[in-house]
C-alpha cells in the first residue's frame, strides 16, 4: 500500500474532508455535550412545549425539559452504540471471512451457508424481533446490530482473501512453515484493511439510521434518558407548536449519517483512483 499516494489523494478529495469534519464534529458534540449542558436532561425547568427563551435556547419539550440540554446529552448513546456495533461486526466478520477465504472447502461452505441464513432476514426485522423477546439493554442492541452487519463483512473479507491467498508470496509463506495465525494477521490482513475501513464507514451510516429508528419506534434507549431518536418520537405530537424539539435532533442524526457516508464514499473513490493510476 502506497501511503504517500493515499495521503495525497485524501488531501485532494474535498468529500473526505467534509465527511471527516461532519463526523468529527458530531462525535465531539456527543462526547463533550453532557459536560456543557446548562441543565440536567431530566430536570423539568419550563412549560410543556415552551418557546425558546434566555434559559432554554431551543425551548422546552413535551414535559418541560430544556431541549438544548437534552440535545447536548442525547448524542452519546447513539454515537457509542453505532461505533461499537460497526467495530464488532468489522473485527469478527474480517476474521471469519479470512478463515473462509484462506481454508476454502467445507469451512468456506459452512460459513457461507450461515451468512446466507442471516441475509435472508431483513436487518431491522431481525433486530426488532430479538429486542422484543430479550429486552432493550444497550449492549444487547449493539450485539444484535453487529450480527445483522456480519454477513456483509464476511463476504467482503472472504472475496478479497480468496484472491490474495492465491498469490505466490502467500504460497511461499505456507511452504516455509509459517503458522496460519501469522499468515492471516501479518500477510493477508494488511492487504484487505483499506476496503474493510471503507466498509466500516458505510456500516456506521447504517447503524446510525437503525439505532435512531429503534429509539423512535420505542425499542431503543429507554425514557426518561436523553437520546436523539427518542426525542423525535417524544415530541412529534407538538411539531407545529415547538418544532425545535423534533428538528434539532433529527438534523444531528442526519448530519452524522451523512458525514460517515461521505467519508466512506470518499475513501472508496480515492482507492479507485490509486488503482486506475497503477
Protein backbone atom coordinates (compact mmCIF):
# COMPACT_ATOMS: atom_id res chain seq x y z
CA UNK A 1 0.00 0.00 0.00
CA UNK A 2 1.47 3.34 -1.06
CA UNK A 3 0.93 5.57 1.98
CA UNK A 4 2.13 8.73 0.23
CA UNK A 5 -0.31 8.17 -2.63
CA UNK A 6 -3.16 7.66 -0.16
CA UNK A 7 -2.22 10.83 1.74
CA UNK A 8 -2.13 12.86 -1.47
CA UNK A 9 -5.49 11.53 -2.66
CA UNK A 10 -7.11 12.22 0.71
CA UNK A 11 -5.83 15.80 0.79
CA UNK A 12 -7.13 16.43 -2.71
CA UNK A 13 -10.58 14.94 -2.01
CA UNK A 14 -12.88 17.58 -0.55
CA UNK A 15 -15.56 14.93 0.04
CA UNK A 16 -13.32 13.16 2.55
CA UNK A 17 -12.62 16.45 4.29
CA UNK A 18 -16.31 17.30 4.56
CA UNK A 19 -17.21 13.82 5.75
CA UNK A 20 -14.46 13.86 8.37
CA UNK A 21 -15.47 17.33 9.57
CA UNK A 22 -19.13 16.37 9.99
CA UNK A 23 -18.35 13.05 11.67
CA UNK A 24 -15.72 14.51 14.00
CA UNK A 25 -17.97 17.46 14.87
CA UNK A 26 -20.89 15.22 15.87
CA UNK A 27 -18.50 12.93 17.79
CA UNK A 28 -17.10 15.86 19.78
CA UNK A 29 -20.61 17.16 20.44
CA UNK A 30 -21.67 13.76 21.75
CA UNK A 31 -18.60 13.40 23.99
CA UNK A 32 -18.46 16.94 25.37
CA UNK A 33 -22.18 17.75 25.27
CA UNK A 34 -23.11 16.28 28.67
CA UNK A 35 -20.45 18.48 30.31
CA UNK A 36 -21.68 21.61 28.52
CA UNK A 37 -25.41 21.18 29.14
CA UNK A 38 -26.75 24.03 31.32
CA UNK A 39 -29.34 21.73 32.95
CA UNK A 40 -29.70 18.08 33.72
CA UNK A 41 -31.55 16.33 30.86
CA UNK A 42 -34.05 15.04 33.44
CA UNK A 43 -34.86 18.38 35.11
CA UNK A 44 -38.27 19.94 34.44
CA UNK A 45 -37.37 23.61 34.05
CA UNK A 46 -40.16 25.15 31.96
CA UNK A 47 -43.64 24.82 30.46
CA UNK A 48 -44.64 21.99 28.14
CA UNK A 49 -43.69 22.85 24.54
CA UNK A 50 -42.49 26.26 25.75
CA UNK A 51 -40.89 28.64 23.25
CA UNK A 52 -37.15 29.46 23.36
CA UNK A 53 -36.06 31.97 25.99
CA UNK A 54 -32.93 33.06 27.85
CA UNK A 55 -32.86 29.85 29.93
CA UNK A 56 -33.57 27.47 27.03
CA UNK A 57 -32.06 28.29 23.65
CA UNK A 58 -34.26 25.76 21.83
CA UNK A 59 -37.30 25.93 24.10
CA UNK A 60 -38.89 23.14 26.11
CA UNK A 61 -40.12 19.68 25.21
CA UNK A 62 -43.34 17.76 25.88
CA UNK A 63 -42.68 17.56 29.63
CA UNK A 64 -40.84 20.83 30.17
CA UNK A 65 -37.24 19.65 29.80
CA UNK A 66 -34.70 22.03 28.30
CA UNK A 67 -34.36 20.87 24.68
CA UNK A 68 -30.83 22.27 24.37
CA UNK A 69 -29.64 20.31 27.44
CA UNK A 70 -31.24 17.09 26.23
CA UNK A 71 -29.77 17.66 22.77
CA UNK A 72 -26.27 18.03 24.21
CA UNK A 73 -26.72 14.95 26.40
CA UNK A 74 -28.58 12.75 23.91
CA UNK A 75 -25.94 12.04 21.28
CA UNK A 76 -23.59 9.89 23.35
CA UNK A 77 -25.77 6.77 23.30
CA UNK A 78 -26.29 6.91 19.53
CA UNK A 79 -22.61 7.54 18.78
CA UNK A 80 -21.07 4.90 21.04
CA UNK A 81 -23.62 2.24 20.11
CA UNK A 82 -23.16 2.91 16.37
CA UNK A 83 -19.37 2.76 16.63
CA UNK A 84 -19.39 -0.31 18.88
CA UNK A 85 -21.77 -2.28 16.64
CA UNK A 86 -19.79 -1.41 13.50
CA UNK A 87 -16.39 -2.22 15.02
CA UNK A 88 -17.57 -5.53 16.48
CA UNK A 89 -19.02 -6.53 13.10
CA UNK A 90 -15.83 -5.43 11.31
CA UNK A 91 -13.38 -7.31 13.55
CA UNK A 92 -15.36 -10.54 13.86
CA UNK A 93 -16.51 -10.54 10.24
CA UNK A 94 -13.00 -9.88 8.92
CA UNK A 95 -11.54 -12.79 10.89
CA UNK A 96 -14.31 -15.20 9.88
CA UNK A 97 -14.10 -14.09 6.23
CA UNK A 98 -10.31 -14.52 6.15
CA UNK A 99 -10.61 -18.02 7.58
CA UNK A 100 -13.24 -18.93 4.96
CA UNK A 101 -11.23 -17.49 2.07
CA UNK A 102 -7.93 -18.99 3.19
CA UNK A 103 -9.02 -22.56 4.02
CA UNK A 104 -11.87 -22.84 1.48
CA UNK A 105 -13.51 -26.28 1.25
CA UNK A 106 -16.06 -27.27 3.87
CA UNK A 107 -15.14 -24.45 6.22
CA UNK A 108 -15.86 -21.92 3.48
CA UNK A 109 -19.14 -23.61 2.54
CA UNK A 110 -20.33 -23.76 6.15
CA UNK A 111 -19.54 -20.09 6.81
CA UNK A 112 -21.23 -19.01 3.58
CA UNK A 113 -24.31 -21.09 4.44
CA UNK A 114 -24.70 -19.38 7.81
CA UNK A 115 -24.15 -15.99 6.20
CA UNK A 116 -26.93 -16.72 3.72
CA UNK A 117 -29.25 -17.70 6.59
CA UNK A 118 -28.74 -14.32 8.28
CA UNK A 119 -29.01 -12.47 4.98
CA UNK A 120 -32.47 -13.98 4.50
CA UNK A 121 -33.79 -11.81 7.34
CA UNK A 122 -34.13 -8.03 6.81
CA UNK A 123 -31.84 -6.27 9.30
CA UNK A 124 -34.49 -4.16 11.01
CA UNK A 125 -36.98 -7.05 11.31
CA UNK A 126 -34.31 -9.31 12.85
CA UNK A 127 -33.26 -6.64 15.34
CA UNK A 128 -36.83 -5.78 16.33
CA UNK A 129 -37.66 -9.46 16.81
CA UNK A 130 -34.71 -10.13 19.12
CA UNK A 131 -35.11 -6.90 21.09
CA UNK A 132 -38.84 -7.58 21.59
CA UNK A 133 -38.04 -11.02 23.00
CA UNK A 134 -34.90 -10.32 25.07
CA UNK A 135 -35.27 -6.67 26.09
CA UNK A 136 -33.52 -3.46 25.10
CA UNK A 137 -30.34 -3.45 27.11
CA UNK A 138 -27.87 -1.21 25.20
CA UNK A 139 -25.20 -3.88 24.84
CA UNK A 140 -27.76 -6.42 23.66
CA UNK A 141 -28.86 -3.99 20.95
CA UNK A 142 -25.23 -3.41 19.96
CA UNK A 143 -24.59 -7.16 19.64
CA UNK A 144 -27.75 -7.74 17.60
CA UNK A 145 -26.94 -4.87 15.21
CA UNK A 146 -23.39 -6.18 14.78
CA UNK A 147 -24.73 -9.66 13.99
CA UNK A 148 -27.03 -8.13 11.37
CA UNK A 149 -23.98 -6.49 9.74
CA UNK A 150 -21.82 -9.62 9.99
CA UNK A 151 -22.73 -11.36 6.69
CA UNK A 152 -21.72 -8.36 4.59
CA UNK A 153 -18.33 -8.08 6.27
CA UNK A 154 -17.73 -11.82 5.99
CA UNK A 155 -18.47 -11.83 2.27
CA UNK A 156 -16.27 -8.78 1.63
CA UNK A 157 -13.35 -10.17 3.64
CA UNK A 158 -13.70 -13.61 2.08
CA UNK A 159 -13.82 -12.37 -1.51
CA UNK A 160 -10.63 -10.32 -1.11
CA UNK A 161 -8.87 -13.08 0.81
CA UNK A 162 -9.63 -15.61 -1.96
CA UNK A 163 -7.60 -13.53 -4.42
CA UNK A 164 -4.74 -12.81 -2.04
CA UNK A 165 -4.45 -16.43 -0.86
CA UNK A 166 -3.54 -17.49 -4.41
CA UNK A 167 -0.60 -15.09 -4.62
CA UNK A 168 2.88 -16.61 -4.78
CA UNK A 169 4.16 -14.96 -1.62
CA UNK A 170 1.30 -16.49 0.39
CA UNK A 171 2.09 -19.92 -1.03
CA UNK A 172 5.75 -19.35 -0.18
CA UNK A 173 4.98 -18.50 3.45
CA UNK A 174 2.85 -21.63 3.71
CA UNK A 175 5.65 -23.81 2.32
CA UNK A 176 8.11 -22.21 4.76
CA UNK A 177 6.00 -23.46 7.63
CA UNK A 178 4.63 -20.15 8.91
CA UNK A 179 1.67 -20.53 11.23
CA UNK A 180 -1.83 -19.83 9.97
CA UNK A 181 -2.14 -17.12 12.63
CA UNK A 182 0.89 -15.28 11.23
CA UNK A 183 -0.19 -15.64 7.62
CA UNK A 184 -3.71 -14.31 8.29
CA UNK A 185 -2.77 -11.39 10.54
CA UNK A 186 0.60 -10.33 9.09
CA UNK A 187 0.30 -11.15 5.41
CA UNK A 188 -3.40 -11.08 4.46
CA UNK A 189 -4.98 -8.61 6.91
CA UNK A 190 -2.80 -5.59 5.92
CA UNK A 191 -3.82 -6.10 2.29
CA UNK A 192 -7.54 -6.09 3.00
CA UNK A 193 -7.55 -3.38 5.68
CA UNK A 194 -8.44 -0.43 3.45
CA UNK A 195 -11.56 -1.99 1.86
CA UNK A 196 -12.65 -3.01 5.35
CA UNK A 197 -12.17 0.51 6.70
CA UNK A 198 -14.24 1.88 3.83
CA UNK A 199 -16.96 -0.62 4.65
CA UNK A 200 -16.74 0.47 8.29
CA UNK A 201 -17.81 3.96 7.28
CA UNK A 202 -20.76 2.51 5.39
CA UNK A 203 -21.78 0.39 8.38
CA UNK A 204 -21.63 3.46 10.61
CA UNK A 205 -24.19 5.17 8.38
CA UNK A 206 -26.44 2.12 8.53
CA UNK A 207 -26.00 1.80 12.31
CA UNK A 208 -26.95 5.43 12.89
CA UNK A 209 -30.17 5.01 10.92
CA UNK A 210 -31.08 1.68 12.53
CA UNK A 211 -30.38 2.75 16.12
CA UNK A 212 -32.15 6.10 15.71
CA UNK A 213 -35.08 4.23 14.16
CA UNK A 214 -35.19 1.79 17.07
CA UNK A 215 -35.34 4.66 19.56
CA UNK A 216 -38.07 6.33 17.51
CA UNK A 217 -40.11 3.12 17.49
CA UNK A 218 -39.66 2.68 21.26
CA UNK A 219 -37.22 -0.24 21.12
CA UNK A 220 -34.00 1.65 21.79
CA UNK A 221 -32.86 3.74 24.74
CA UNK A 222 -35.50 3.77 27.46
CA UNK A 223 -37.06 7.04 28.66
CA UNK A 224 -36.51 9.29 30.51
CA UNK A 225 -32.91 9.07 29.24
CA UNK A 226 -31.90 11.62 26.61
CA UNK A 227 -31.47 10.20 23.12
CA UNK A 228 -31.83 11.94 19.76
CA UNK A 229 -34.07 9.28 18.21
CA UNK A 230 -36.19 9.13 21.33
CA UNK A 231 -36.51 12.94 21.35
CA UNK A 232 -38.00 12.88 17.85
CA UNK A 233 -40.60 10.33 18.93
CA UNK A 234 -41.46 12.05 22.21
CA UNK A 235 -42.01 15.50 20.72
CA UNK A 236 -43.53 14.72 17.31
CA UNK A 237 -47.04 15.46 18.62
CA UNK A 238 -46.00 19.08 19.23
CA UNK A 239 -44.12 19.59 15.98
CA UNK A 240 -46.27 22.54 14.92
CA UNK A 241 -46.09 24.15 18.37
CA UNK A 242 -42.41 23.61 19.23
CA UNK A 243 -40.55 22.31 16.13
CA UNK A 244 -37.05 22.67 17.61
CA UNK A 245 -37.58 19.69 19.92
CA UNK A 246 -38.00 17.47 16.82
CA UNK A 247 -35.95 19.19 14.13
CA UNK A 248 -32.76 19.70 16.16
CA UNK A 249 -32.13 16.01 16.99
CA UNK A 250 -33.33 14.92 13.52
CA UNK A 251 -30.81 17.26 11.87
CA UNK A 252 -27.94 15.99 14.04
CA UNK A 253 -28.82 12.37 13.23
CA UNK A 254 -28.88 13.20 9.53
CA UNK A 255 -25.56 15.07 9.70
CA UNK A 256 -23.83 12.17 11.47
CA UNK A 257 -25.13 9.65 8.93
CA UNK A 258 -24.20 11.98 6.07
CA UNK A 259 -20.70 12.56 7.42
CA UNK A 260 -19.86 8.87 7.79
CA UNK A 261 -21.32 8.11 4.37
CA UNK A 262 -19.34 10.89 2.67
CA UNK A 263 -16.18 9.71 4.40
CA UNK A 264 -16.66 6.11 3.30
CA UNK A 265 -17.56 7.09 -0.27
CA UNK A 266 -14.61 9.48 -0.50
CA UNK A 267 -12.16 6.83 0.69
CA UNK A 268 -13.62 4.40 -1.83
CA UNK A 269 -13.12 6.88 -4.67
CA UNK A 270 -9.57 7.56 -3.51
CA UNK A 271 -8.83 3.83 -3.58
CA UNK A 272 -10.29 3.51 -7.08
CA UNK A 273 -8.19 6.45 -8.25
CA UNK A 274 -5.00 4.82 -6.98
CA UNK A 275 -5.85 1.53 -8.70
CA UNK A 276 -6.51 3.32 -12.01
CA UNK A 277 -3.22 5.21 -11.69
CA UNK A 278 -1.42 1.90 -11.37
